N, C-alpha and C. Protein backbone atom coordinates (compact mmCIF):
# COMPACT_ATOMS: atom_id res chain seq x y z
N UNK A 1 -81.73 56.91 27.31
CA UNK A 1 -81.68 55.80 28.28
C UNK A 1 -81.93 54.49 27.52
N UNK A 2 -81.04 53.43 28.10
CA UNK A 2 -81.01 52.23 27.32
C UNK A 2 -82.08 51.23 28.00
N UNK A 3 -82.79 50.66 27.15
CA UNK A 3 -83.91 49.74 27.70
C UNK A 3 -83.38 48.21 27.65
N UNK A 4 -83.40 47.50 28.92
CA UNK A 4 -82.81 46.28 28.91
C UNK A 4 -84.04 45.35 28.96
N UNK A 5 -83.92 44.11 28.32
CA UNK A 5 -84.98 43.10 28.60
C UNK A 5 -85.26 42.63 29.93
N UNK A 6 -86.45 42.33 30.27
CA UNK A 6 -86.83 42.12 31.74
C UNK A 6 -85.96 40.96 32.34
N UNK A 7 -85.48 40.10 31.42
CA UNK A 7 -84.78 39.01 32.08
C UNK A 7 -83.29 39.42 32.41
N UNK A 8 -82.80 40.56 31.99
CA UNK A 8 -81.59 41.11 32.53
C UNK A 8 -81.65 41.78 33.82
N UNK A 9 -82.68 42.45 34.21
CA UNK A 9 -82.91 43.15 35.29
C UNK A 9 -82.98 42.24 36.63
N UNK A 10 -82.47 42.56 37.67
CA UNK A 10 -82.39 41.73 38.97
C UNK A 10 -83.43 42.55 39.77
N UNK A 11 -84.30 41.72 40.48
CA UNK A 11 -85.30 42.24 41.34
C UNK A 11 -84.68 42.60 42.68
N UNK A 12 -84.73 43.88 43.14
CA UNK A 12 -84.15 44.42 44.30
C UNK A 12 -85.27 44.83 45.13
N UNK A 13 -85.35 44.13 46.33
CA UNK A 13 -86.44 44.54 47.21
C UNK A 13 -85.70 44.62 48.62
N UNK A 14 -86.50 45.35 49.57
CA UNK A 14 -85.76 45.52 50.96
C UNK A 14 -85.35 44.40 51.61
N UNK A 15 -86.30 43.22 51.41
CA UNK A 15 -85.95 42.04 52.25
C UNK A 15 -85.05 40.99 51.46
N UNK A 16 -84.60 41.47 50.31
CA UNK A 16 -83.60 40.63 49.48
C UNK A 16 -82.26 40.89 49.97
N UNK A 17 -81.31 39.89 50.21
CA UNK A 17 -79.93 40.08 50.63
C UNK A 17 -79.25 40.97 49.49
N UNK A 18 -79.58 40.82 48.27
CA UNK A 18 -78.86 41.61 47.17
C UNK A 18 -78.92 42.94 47.39
N UNK A 19 -80.13 43.51 47.81
CA UNK A 19 -80.32 44.95 48.23
C UNK A 19 -79.44 45.44 49.14
N UNK A 20 -78.75 44.63 50.03
CA UNK A 20 -77.89 44.97 51.04
C UNK A 20 -76.36 44.82 50.56
N UNK A 21 -76.39 44.17 49.30
CA UNK A 21 -74.99 43.90 48.79
C UNK A 21 -74.45 42.68 49.34
N UNK A 22 -75.26 41.66 49.94
CA UNK A 22 -74.68 40.57 50.51
C UNK A 22 -74.97 39.35 49.63
N UNK A 23 -74.16 38.20 49.53
CA UNK A 23 -74.49 37.14 48.59
C UNK A 23 -75.81 36.47 49.18
N UNK A 24 -76.29 35.57 48.25
CA UNK A 24 -77.61 34.84 48.66
C UNK A 24 -77.54 34.01 50.00
N UNK A 25 -76.32 33.42 50.09
CA UNK A 25 -76.10 32.42 51.21
C UNK A 25 -75.51 33.08 52.38
N UNK A 26 -75.65 34.35 52.59
CA UNK A 26 -75.22 34.95 53.78
C UNK A 26 -76.06 34.64 54.87
N UNK A 27 -75.33 34.39 56.11
CA UNK A 27 -76.14 33.91 57.11
C UNK A 27 -76.44 32.62 57.14
N UNK A 28 -76.28 31.66 56.08
CA UNK A 28 -76.64 30.32 56.02
C UNK A 28 -75.51 29.46 56.35
N UNK A 29 -74.37 29.97 55.93
CA UNK A 29 -73.13 29.11 56.33
C UNK A 29 -72.05 30.09 56.93
N UNK A 30 -71.13 29.41 57.48
CA UNK A 30 -69.95 30.22 58.14
C UNK A 30 -69.16 30.64 56.96
N UNK A 31 -68.95 31.95 56.80
CA UNK A 31 -68.22 32.48 55.74
C UNK A 31 -66.64 32.27 56.07
N UNK A 32 -66.22 31.13 56.11
CA UNK A 32 -64.75 31.05 56.46
C UNK A 32 -63.88 30.94 55.16
N UNK A 33 -62.84 31.82 55.00
CA UNK A 33 -62.19 31.72 53.79
C UNK A 33 -61.52 30.19 53.70
N UNK A 34 -61.41 29.79 52.57
CA UNK A 34 -60.81 28.37 52.51
C UNK A 34 -59.17 28.46 52.59
N UNK A 35 -58.53 27.42 53.28
CA UNK A 35 -57.23 27.56 53.56
C UNK A 35 -56.47 27.24 52.18
N UNK A 36 -55.43 28.00 51.88
CA UNK A 36 -54.65 27.78 50.66
C UNK A 36 -53.89 26.47 50.78
N UNK A 37 -53.74 25.81 49.60
CA UNK A 37 -53.22 24.45 49.70
C UNK A 37 -51.78 24.62 49.86
N UNK A 38 -51.10 23.67 50.62
CA UNK A 38 -49.67 23.40 51.02
C UNK A 38 -49.07 22.76 49.77
N UNK A 39 -48.59 23.44 48.76
CA UNK A 39 -48.05 22.88 47.55
C UNK A 39 -46.84 22.09 47.81
N UNK A 40 -45.95 22.36 48.91
CA UNK A 40 -44.78 21.36 49.20
C UNK A 40 -45.36 20.05 49.76
N UNK A 41 -46.35 20.15 50.58
CA UNK A 41 -46.91 18.81 51.12
C UNK A 41 -47.51 17.96 49.82
N UNK A 42 -48.22 18.62 48.89
CA UNK A 42 -48.81 18.11 47.80
C UNK A 42 -47.76 17.46 46.80
N UNK A 43 -46.57 18.04 46.73
CA UNK A 43 -45.47 17.63 45.89
C UNK A 43 -44.82 16.40 46.58
N UNK A 44 -44.61 16.44 47.83
CA UNK A 44 -44.21 15.29 48.50
C UNK A 44 -45.05 14.06 48.45
N UNK A 45 -46.21 14.24 48.61
CA UNK A 45 -47.27 13.10 48.43
C UNK A 45 -47.14 12.40 47.15
N UNK A 46 -47.17 13.36 46.08
CA UNK A 46 -47.21 12.98 44.64
C UNK A 46 -45.86 12.14 44.49
N UNK A 47 -44.78 12.59 45.04
CA UNK A 47 -43.52 12.00 44.84
C UNK A 47 -43.58 10.61 45.59
N UNK A 48 -44.12 10.50 46.74
CA UNK A 48 -44.15 9.23 47.58
C UNK A 48 -44.99 8.15 47.00
N UNK A 49 -45.95 8.68 45.86
CA UNK A 49 -46.86 7.80 45.27
C UNK A 49 -46.13 6.75 44.68
N UNK A 50 -46.40 5.42 44.85
CA UNK A 50 -45.63 4.26 44.13
C UNK A 50 -45.46 4.31 42.50
N UNK A 51 -46.60 4.67 41.93
CA UNK A 51 -46.61 4.75 40.52
C UNK A 51 -45.56 5.73 39.82
N UNK A 52 -45.70 6.91 40.58
CA UNK A 52 -44.76 8.11 40.05
C UNK A 52 -43.25 7.81 40.44
N UNK A 53 -43.07 7.29 41.54
CA UNK A 53 -41.77 6.85 41.96
C UNK A 53 -41.10 5.88 41.19
N UNK A 54 -41.84 4.78 40.87
CA UNK A 54 -41.33 3.85 39.94
C UNK A 54 -41.07 4.32 38.60
N UNK A 55 -41.86 4.98 37.95
CA UNK A 55 -41.65 5.61 36.72
C UNK A 55 -40.47 6.51 36.58
N UNK A 56 -40.36 7.33 37.70
CA UNK A 56 -39.28 8.11 37.65
C UNK A 56 -37.81 7.46 37.90
N UNK A 57 -37.89 6.51 38.66
CA UNK A 57 -36.66 5.72 38.79
C UNK A 57 -36.23 5.01 37.56
N UNK A 58 -37.37 4.36 36.88
CA UNK A 58 -37.06 3.64 35.72
C UNK A 58 -36.60 4.56 34.59
N UNK A 59 -37.05 5.78 34.52
CA UNK A 59 -36.71 6.72 33.44
C UNK A 59 -35.17 7.00 33.73
N UNK A 60 -34.80 7.42 34.93
CA UNK A 60 -33.60 7.81 35.29
C UNK A 60 -32.63 6.46 35.22
N UNK A 61 -32.90 5.49 35.44
CA UNK A 61 -32.04 4.18 35.33
C UNK A 61 -31.80 3.89 33.85
N UNK A 62 -32.83 3.94 32.99
CA UNK A 62 -32.85 3.61 31.62
C UNK A 62 -32.56 4.68 30.71
N UNK A 63 -32.86 5.87 31.11
CA UNK A 63 -32.64 7.29 30.27
C UNK A 63 -33.48 7.04 29.15
N UNK A 64 -34.75 6.50 29.41
CA UNK A 64 -35.74 6.38 28.12
C UNK A 64 -37.16 6.50 28.69
N UNK A 65 -38.03 6.85 27.88
CA UNK A 65 -39.45 6.94 28.35
C UNK A 65 -40.06 5.63 28.69
N UNK A 66 -40.93 5.66 29.57
CA UNK A 66 -41.74 4.39 29.93
C UNK A 66 -42.59 4.00 28.80
N UNK A 67 -43.21 5.02 27.86
CA UNK A 67 -43.96 4.67 26.85
C UNK A 67 -43.04 4.33 25.73
N UNK A 68 -43.37 3.17 25.15
CA UNK A 68 -42.58 2.69 23.96
C UNK A 68 -43.28 3.07 22.53
N UNK A 69 -42.51 3.36 21.66
CA UNK A 69 -42.88 3.93 20.42
C UNK A 69 -42.31 2.95 19.32
N UNK A 70 -43.16 2.33 18.48
CA UNK A 70 -42.56 1.56 17.32
C UNK A 70 -41.51 2.30 16.58
N UNK A 71 -40.37 1.67 16.27
CA UNK A 71 -39.43 2.21 15.58
C UNK A 71 -39.81 3.12 14.32
N UNK A 72 -40.62 2.47 13.38
CA UNK A 72 -41.22 3.12 12.31
C UNK A 72 -41.91 4.33 12.59
N UNK A 73 -42.76 4.28 13.60
CA UNK A 73 -43.51 5.52 13.94
C UNK A 73 -42.60 6.61 14.55
N UNK A 74 -41.72 6.19 15.23
CA UNK A 74 -40.63 7.12 15.85
C UNK A 74 -39.98 7.79 14.69
N UNK A 75 -39.54 7.08 13.64
CA UNK A 75 -38.86 7.52 12.60
C UNK A 75 -39.66 8.77 11.76
N UNK A 76 -40.94 8.19 11.62
CA UNK A 76 -41.87 9.22 10.97
C UNK A 76 -42.12 10.48 11.72
N UNK A 77 -42.19 10.45 13.12
CA UNK A 77 -42.42 11.50 13.87
C UNK A 77 -41.15 12.37 13.91
N UNK A 78 -40.04 11.98 13.93
CA UNK A 78 -38.80 12.60 13.87
C UNK A 78 -38.69 13.40 12.47
N UNK A 79 -39.14 12.59 11.32
CA UNK A 79 -39.04 13.11 9.86
C UNK A 79 -40.03 14.32 10.05
N UNK A 80 -41.18 14.35 10.71
CA UNK A 80 -42.01 15.47 10.60
C UNK A 80 -41.63 16.63 11.37
N UNK A 81 -40.62 16.42 12.38
CA UNK A 81 -40.23 17.56 13.13
C UNK A 81 -38.94 18.32 12.38
N UNK A 82 -38.66 17.81 11.16
CA UNK A 82 -37.71 18.60 10.28
C UNK A 82 -38.06 20.03 10.10
N UNK A 83 -37.04 20.83 9.84
CA UNK A 83 -37.57 22.36 9.60
C UNK A 83 -38.25 22.35 8.36
N UNK A 84 -38.09 21.72 7.51
CA UNK A 84 -38.65 21.93 6.09
C UNK A 84 -40.13 21.26 6.02
N UNK A 85 -40.42 20.75 6.92
CA UNK A 85 -41.88 20.24 7.08
C UNK A 85 -42.91 21.27 7.67
N UNK A 86 -43.72 21.68 6.86
CA UNK A 86 -44.74 22.75 7.36
C UNK A 86 -45.65 22.15 8.41
N UNK A 87 -46.23 23.19 9.06
CA UNK A 87 -47.10 22.73 10.24
C UNK A 87 -48.36 22.11 9.63
N UNK A 88 -49.00 22.65 8.60
CA UNK A 88 -50.01 22.02 7.82
C UNK A 88 -49.75 20.63 7.35
N UNK A 89 -48.59 20.42 6.67
CA UNK A 89 -48.29 19.16 6.20
C UNK A 89 -48.11 18.29 7.32
N UNK A 90 -47.46 18.54 8.50
CA UNK A 90 -47.33 17.66 9.60
C UNK A 90 -48.80 17.30 10.21
N UNK A 91 -49.50 18.34 10.24
CA UNK A 91 -51.04 18.07 10.82
C UNK A 91 -51.62 17.07 9.93
N UNK A 92 -51.57 17.33 8.70
CA UNK A 92 -52.35 16.49 7.71
C UNK A 92 -51.88 15.09 7.85
N UNK A 93 -50.61 14.78 7.73
CA UNK A 93 -50.04 13.43 7.97
C UNK A 93 -50.37 12.81 9.26
N UNK A 94 -50.39 13.44 10.27
CA UNK A 94 -50.66 12.98 11.61
C UNK A 94 -52.22 12.54 11.72
N UNK A 95 -52.97 13.17 11.12
CA UNK A 95 -54.23 13.11 11.15
C UNK A 95 -54.91 12.18 10.06
N UNK A 96 -53.99 11.68 9.05
CA UNK A 96 -54.56 10.84 7.92
C UNK A 96 -54.80 9.46 8.51
N UNK A 97 -56.10 9.14 8.45
CA UNK A 97 -56.62 7.77 8.99
C UNK A 97 -56.42 6.69 8.06
N UNK A 98 -56.02 7.03 6.82
CA UNK A 98 -55.89 5.91 5.84
C UNK A 98 -54.85 4.76 6.15
N UNK A 99 -55.09 3.63 5.86
CA UNK A 99 -54.19 2.54 5.87
C UNK A 99 -53.13 2.70 4.73
N UNK A 100 -51.89 2.10 4.89
CA UNK A 100 -50.98 2.27 3.69
C UNK A 100 -51.67 1.40 2.47
N UNK A 101 -51.65 1.94 1.23
CA UNK A 101 -52.21 1.37 -0.01
C UNK A 101 -53.54 1.75 -0.20
N UNK A 102 -54.12 2.51 0.72
CA UNK A 102 -55.64 2.94 0.43
C UNK A 102 -55.80 4.30 -0.06
N UNK A 103 -56.61 4.41 -0.86
CA UNK A 103 -57.03 5.91 -1.46
C UNK A 103 -57.78 6.68 -0.48
N UNK A 104 -57.47 8.11 -0.71
CA UNK A 104 -58.15 8.78 0.17
C UNK A 104 -59.74 8.75 0.18
N UNK A 105 -60.51 8.96 1.18
CA UNK A 105 -61.95 9.05 1.18
C UNK A 105 -62.50 9.88 0.06
N UNK A 106 -61.97 11.03 0.03
CA UNK A 106 -62.51 11.84 -1.20
C UNK A 106 -62.40 11.35 -2.60
N UNK A 107 -61.13 10.50 -2.67
CA UNK A 107 -61.24 9.87 -4.16
C UNK A 107 -62.22 8.86 -4.23
N UNK A 108 -62.58 8.18 -3.17
CA UNK A 108 -63.57 7.16 -3.33
C UNK A 108 -64.89 7.82 -3.67
N UNK A 109 -65.20 9.03 -2.86
CA UNK A 109 -66.41 9.55 -3.04
C UNK A 109 -66.59 10.34 -4.62
N UNK A 110 -65.43 10.87 -5.16
CA UNK A 110 -65.38 11.39 -6.29
C UNK A 110 -65.61 10.35 -7.43
N UNK A 111 -65.03 9.05 -7.25
CA UNK A 111 -65.10 7.94 -8.07
C UNK A 111 -66.77 7.45 -8.05
N UNK A 112 -67.37 7.51 -6.93
CA UNK A 112 -68.83 7.08 -6.71
C UNK A 112 -69.75 8.20 -7.41
N UNK A 113 -69.25 9.42 -7.24
CA UNK A 113 -70.10 10.61 -8.03
C UNK A 113 -69.99 10.17 -9.54
N UNK A 114 -68.89 9.96 -9.95
CA UNK A 114 -68.71 9.71 -11.49
C UNK A 114 -69.52 8.49 -11.98
N UNK A 115 -69.66 7.53 -11.09
CA UNK A 115 -69.98 6.14 -11.53
C UNK A 115 -71.64 6.20 -11.59
N UNK A 116 -72.13 7.44 -10.92
CA UNK A 116 -73.59 7.43 -10.87
C UNK A 116 -74.14 7.78 -12.21
N UNK A 117 -73.30 8.28 -13.23
CA UNK A 117 -73.65 8.40 -14.58
C UNK A 117 -73.88 7.10 -15.32
N UNK A 118 -73.42 5.96 -14.73
CA UNK A 118 -73.75 4.55 -15.46
C UNK A 118 -72.53 4.02 -15.86
N UNK A 119 -72.60 2.95 -16.49
CA UNK A 119 -71.40 2.13 -17.04
C UNK A 119 -70.59 2.85 -18.10
N UNK A 120 -70.99 3.87 -18.51
CA UNK A 120 -70.26 4.61 -19.56
C UNK A 120 -69.04 5.38 -18.93
N UNK A 121 -69.25 5.59 -17.51
CA UNK A 121 -68.05 6.25 -16.76
C UNK A 121 -66.82 5.52 -16.75
N UNK A 122 -66.88 4.23 -17.03
CA UNK A 122 -65.74 3.39 -16.95
C UNK A 122 -64.88 3.80 -18.09
N UNK A 123 -65.35 4.48 -19.11
CA UNK A 123 -64.42 4.65 -20.26
C UNK A 123 -63.53 6.20 -19.94
N UNK A 124 -63.85 6.97 -18.89
CA UNK A 124 -63.14 8.04 -18.68
C UNK A 124 -61.96 7.90 -17.96
N UNK A 125 -60.81 8.73 -18.29
CA UNK A 125 -59.66 8.65 -17.64
C UNK A 125 -59.65 8.91 -16.26
N UNK A 126 -60.45 9.79 -15.82
CA UNK A 126 -60.48 10.18 -14.26
C UNK A 126 -60.83 8.92 -13.53
N UNK A 127 -61.93 8.19 -14.15
CA UNK A 127 -62.31 7.01 -13.51
C UNK A 127 -61.40 5.92 -13.41
N UNK A 128 -60.51 5.73 -14.33
CA UNK A 128 -59.45 4.82 -14.34
C UNK A 128 -58.42 5.21 -13.43
N UNK A 129 -58.04 6.52 -13.41
CA UNK A 129 -57.06 6.79 -12.26
C UNK A 129 -57.44 6.72 -10.92
N UNK A 130 -58.70 7.06 -10.73
CA UNK A 130 -59.26 6.93 -9.20
C UNK A 130 -59.42 5.26 -8.83
N UNK A 131 -59.82 4.58 -9.82
CA UNK A 131 -60.03 3.19 -9.58
C UNK A 131 -58.60 2.56 -9.29
N UNK A 132 -57.73 3.07 -9.99
CA UNK A 132 -56.25 2.39 -9.77
C UNK A 132 -55.83 2.78 -8.32
N UNK A 133 -56.35 3.71 -7.72
CA UNK A 133 -55.81 4.08 -6.47
C UNK A 133 -56.41 3.32 -5.25
N UNK A 134 -57.59 2.52 -5.61
CA UNK A 134 -58.27 1.82 -4.53
C UNK A 134 -57.59 0.63 -4.04
N UNK A 135 -57.81 0.24 -2.81
CA UNK A 135 -57.35 -0.95 -2.18
C UNK A 135 -58.35 -2.13 -2.37
N UNK A 136 -58.06 -3.26 -2.20
CA UNK A 136 -59.05 -4.31 -2.36
C UNK A 136 -60.31 -4.15 -1.49
N UNK A 137 -60.14 -3.82 -0.33
CA UNK A 137 -61.35 -3.48 0.41
C UNK A 137 -62.18 -2.36 -0.04
N UNK A 138 -61.38 -1.32 -0.60
CA UNK A 138 -62.34 -0.14 -1.00
C UNK A 138 -63.06 -0.54 -2.38
N UNK A 139 -62.30 -1.20 -3.36
CA UNK A 139 -63.02 -1.59 -4.50
C UNK A 139 -64.18 -2.55 -4.19
N UNK A 140 -64.09 -3.28 -3.20
CA UNK A 140 -65.21 -4.32 -2.81
C UNK A 140 -66.42 -3.48 -2.28
N UNK A 141 -66.03 -2.28 -1.63
CA UNK A 141 -67.17 -1.39 -1.17
C UNK A 141 -67.78 -0.70 -2.24
N UNK A 142 -67.01 -0.30 -3.17
CA UNK A 142 -67.54 0.41 -4.50
C UNK A 142 -68.37 -0.53 -5.17
N UNK A 143 -67.99 -1.81 -5.39
CA UNK A 143 -68.76 -2.87 -5.91
C UNK A 143 -70.09 -2.99 -5.42
N UNK A 144 -70.19 -3.01 -4.07
CA UNK A 144 -71.39 -3.15 -3.35
C UNK A 144 -72.26 -1.84 -3.58
N UNK A 145 -71.61 -0.68 -3.46
CA UNK A 145 -72.40 0.56 -3.42
C UNK A 145 -73.06 0.89 -4.91
N UNK A 146 -72.37 0.54 -5.92
CA UNK A 146 -72.94 0.88 -7.14
C UNK A 146 -74.06 -0.14 -7.57
N UNK A 147 -74.36 -1.07 -7.02
CA UNK A 147 -75.52 -2.01 -7.24
C UNK A 147 -76.61 -1.60 -6.20
N UNK A 148 -76.31 -0.68 -5.45
CA UNK A 148 -77.39 -0.16 -4.51
C UNK A 148 -77.65 1.34 -4.52
N UNK A 149 -77.20 1.94 -5.70
CA UNK A 149 -77.54 3.31 -5.88
C UNK A 149 -79.16 3.64 -5.62
N UNK A 150 -79.33 4.77 -5.02
CA UNK A 150 -80.73 5.14 -4.70
C UNK A 150 -81.17 6.47 -5.57
N UNK A 151 -80.18 7.21 -5.91
CA UNK A 151 -80.47 8.49 -6.80
C UNK A 151 -79.91 8.44 -8.09
N UNK A 152 -79.65 7.17 -8.47
CA UNK A 152 -79.22 7.04 -9.95
C UNK A 152 -79.33 5.45 -10.02
N UNK A 153 -79.47 5.11 -11.39
CA UNK A 153 -79.75 3.80 -11.68
C UNK A 153 -78.75 2.81 -11.21
N UNK A 154 -79.25 1.90 -10.42
CA UNK A 154 -78.38 0.85 -9.82
C UNK A 154 -77.64 -0.03 -10.91
N UNK A 155 -76.53 -0.39 -10.71
CA UNK A 155 -75.67 -1.22 -11.79
C UNK A 155 -76.11 -2.66 -11.60
N UNK A 156 -76.05 -3.34 -12.56
CA UNK A 156 -76.43 -4.85 -12.57
C UNK A 156 -75.02 -5.54 -11.97
N UNK A 157 -75.21 -6.77 -11.70
CA UNK A 157 -74.12 -7.44 -11.17
C UNK A 157 -72.98 -7.54 -12.32
N UNK A 158 -73.34 -7.76 -13.44
CA UNK A 158 -72.35 -7.83 -14.72
C UNK A 158 -71.57 -6.51 -14.81
N UNK A 159 -72.46 -5.32 -14.70
CA UNK A 159 -71.73 -4.03 -14.88
C UNK A 159 -70.66 -3.82 -13.71
N UNK A 160 -71.09 -4.37 -12.53
CA UNK A 160 -70.23 -4.32 -11.34
C UNK A 160 -68.98 -5.01 -11.57
N UNK A 161 -69.35 -6.22 -12.24
CA UNK A 161 -68.05 -7.17 -12.59
C UNK A 161 -67.05 -6.40 -13.44
N UNK A 162 -67.72 -5.68 -14.47
CA UNK A 162 -66.72 -4.91 -15.27
C UNK A 162 -65.84 -4.03 -14.51
N UNK A 163 -66.53 -3.39 -13.52
CA UNK A 163 -65.69 -2.46 -12.62
C UNK A 163 -64.43 -3.04 -12.07
N UNK A 164 -64.68 -4.41 -11.46
CA UNK A 164 -63.58 -5.22 -11.04
C UNK A 164 -62.46 -5.60 -11.99
N UNK A 165 -63.00 -5.94 -13.25
CA UNK A 165 -62.15 -6.22 -14.31
C UNK A 165 -61.19 -5.10 -14.53
N UNK A 166 -61.81 -3.91 -14.67
CA UNK A 166 -60.99 -2.68 -14.86
C UNK A 166 -60.08 -2.38 -13.67
N UNK A 167 -60.45 -2.65 -12.54
CA UNK A 167 -59.56 -2.49 -11.44
C UNK A 167 -58.36 -3.41 -11.56
N UNK A 168 -58.59 -4.70 -11.82
CA UNK A 168 -57.55 -5.59 -11.85
C UNK A 168 -56.75 -5.40 -13.10
N UNK A 169 -57.18 -4.84 -14.28
CA UNK A 169 -56.42 -4.43 -15.32
C UNK A 169 -55.46 -3.31 -14.93
N UNK A 170 -55.78 -2.54 -14.02
CA UNK A 170 -54.80 -1.31 -13.56
C UNK A 170 -54.10 -1.79 -12.42
N UNK A 171 -53.89 -3.01 -12.11
CA UNK A 171 -52.78 -3.36 -11.12
C UNK A 171 -53.50 -3.92 -9.92
N UNK A 172 -54.90 -3.90 -9.67
CA UNK A 172 -55.46 -4.35 -8.54
C UNK A 172 -55.33 -5.75 -8.29
N UNK A 173 -55.35 -6.30 -6.96
CA UNK A 173 -55.20 -7.63 -6.61
C UNK A 173 -56.42 -8.24 -6.83
N UNK A 174 -56.54 -9.62 -7.03
CA UNK A 174 -57.75 -10.37 -7.23
C UNK A 174 -58.87 -10.07 -6.23
N UNK A 175 -59.97 -9.44 -6.54
CA UNK A 175 -61.01 -9.40 -5.82
C UNK A 175 -61.96 -10.49 -5.58
């Protein structure tokens, strides 16, 4: 015999409606079955609504969507619908929140992790590569963050200035 927790058992007593197989609200309200919706009337009402009617008429007149998409974005979306674009690649591109010219957030965090070792990290090729990918806004954020390290020695302003010089040497814009 299986033992169930007390919270799973339902109390059945002679004066309880459940003991007679009736719902708890039996006798309290009229048990009138709801009337099924008249879908034809609902469709007519929706068609008669001014917003829907205007949008449908506009679409049929112009043969284009009421929603306007910028030509560059439309071209990108059409390119992502090509058969040679995988679902994963399309999903990744559509969900990429970076602005053009920005490095990925993971690149910034990998750079920050490397810079925790101190100013000597500026001599490493991986640091050069990551730094060269940053936008002006991103390098300014890194400049501020290295001076506020909490779990590593904070950089001096002169050290952070060397970081900006290195970024400029790798093609960055004037910060």
